[in-house]
Amino acid sequence: MKPDALILSVLEMLKERGLKLFYASLVLLVIADIFVEKTHGAFTGHTWLGFYAFYGFVSCVLIIVISKALGKLFLFKKEDFYD
């Protein structure tokens, strides 16, 4: 089998199964969070189930929203800017 064909077959497999594997890994991480002792935290949120998953998701969304807003404010130019 040629290396290109192997790479393409792996990519096809990931395309079909990758999203399912990704979601399964997220569920397993939240389930694993149940078994971690969380008695000492800087604040009460550290002891909640799935806190770090939620915190990471919200942080990622905020980074995207803020960067898009900054891009529109400072990077985009009017259509006739160079005329």
Protein backbone atom coordinates (compact mmCIF):
# COMPACT_ATOMS: atom_id res chain seq x y z
CA MET A 1 0.00 0.00 0.00
CA LYS A 2 1.38 3.39 -0.95
CA PRO A 3 1.95 5.91 1.84
CA ASP A 4 -0.53 8.34 0.25
CA ALA A 5 -3.25 5.70 0.17
CA LEU A 6 -2.53 4.83 3.80
CA ILE A 7 -2.81 8.47 4.85
CA LEU A 8 -6.05 8.86 2.93
CA SER A 9 -7.54 5.75 4.50
CA VAL A 10 -6.60 6.94 7.99
CA LEU A 11 -8.16 10.34 7.28
CA GLU A 12 -11.36 8.69 6.05
CA MET A 13 -11.51 6.58 9.21
CA LEU A 14 -11.01 9.68 11.37
CA LYS A 15 -13.67 11.52 9.43
CA GLU A 16 -16.17 8.75 10.13
CA ARG A 17 -15.21 7.83 13.68
CA GLY A 18 -13.28 10.84 14.90
CA LEU A 19 -16.21 12.89 16.15
CA LYS A 20 -17.63 9.92 18.02
CA LEU A 21 -14.24 9.25 19.61
CA PHE A 22 -13.92 12.90 20.54
CA TYR A 23 -17.32 12.98 22.28
CA ALA A 24 -16.62 9.68 24.00
CA SER A 25 -13.34 11.04 25.37
CA LEU A 26 -15.14 14.12 26.70
CA VAL A 27 -17.70 11.95 28.48
CA LEU A 28 -14.95 9.76 29.94
CA LEU A 29 -13.11 12.81 31.26
CA VAL A 30 -16.21 14.10 33.03
CA ILE A 31 -16.85 10.62 34.46
CA ALA A 32 -13.23 10.45 35.63
CA ASP A 33 -13.81 13.78 37.37
CA ILE A 34 -16.21 11.99 39.73
CA PHE A 35 -13.38 9.93 41.19
CA VAL A 36 -10.98 12.81 41.84
CA GLU A 37 -11.01 14.13 45.41
CA LYS A 38 -11.98 17.78 45.37
CA THR A 39 -12.14 18.83 48.99
CA HIS A 40 -9.62 21.67 48.81
CA GLY A 41 -10.18 24.41 46.28
CA ALA A 42 -9.52 28.11 46.03
CA PHE A 43 -13.28 28.67 45.81
CA THR A 44 -16.42 26.54 45.77
CA GLY A 45 -16.46 26.17 41.98
CA HIS A 46 -13.41 23.95 42.10
CA THR A 47 -15.42 21.25 43.85
CA TRP A 48 -18.25 21.09 41.28
CA LEU A 49 -18.56 18.17 38.92
CA GLY A 50 -17.36 19.13 35.43
CA PHE A 51 -16.20 22.60 36.52
CA TYR A 52 -12.99 22.53 34.51
CA ALA A 53 -14.74 21.27 31.37
CA PHE A 54 -17.29 24.07 31.64
CA TYR A 55 -14.62 26.65 32.46
CA GLY A 56 -12.51 25.57 29.48
CA PHE A 57 -15.48 25.69 27.11
CA VAL A 58 -16.58 29.15 28.25
CA SER A 59 -12.99 30.43 28.06
CA CYS A 60 -12.60 29.13 24.52
CA VAL A 61 -15.86 30.74 23.40
CA LEU A 62 -14.84 34.05 24.98
CA ILE A 63 -11.45 33.99 23.26
CA ILE A 64 -13.15 33.46 19.89
CA VAL A 65 -15.79 36.16 20.43
CA ILE A 66 -13.29 38.74 21.69
CA SER A 67 -10.79 38.04 18.93
CA LYS A 68 -13.49 38.38 16.26
CA ALA A 69 -14.61 41.69 17.78
CA LEU A 70 -11.04 43.00 17.94
CA GLY A 71 -10.45 41.89 14.37
CA LYS A 72 -13.50 43.78 13.17
CA LEU A 73 -12.46 46.88 15.10
CA PHE A 74 -8.80 47.05 14.11
CA LEU A 75 -8.10 44.79 11.12
CA PHE A 76 -10.99 45.09 8.70
CA LYS A 77 -10.94 48.06 6.37
CA LYS A 78 -13.73 49.55 4.33
CA GLU A 79 -14.15 48.19 0.83
CA ASP A 80 -12.92 51.42 -0.76
CA PHE A 81 -9.97 51.85 1.61
CA TYR A 82 -7.28 51.52 -1.08
CA ASP A 83 -9.08 53.63 -3.72
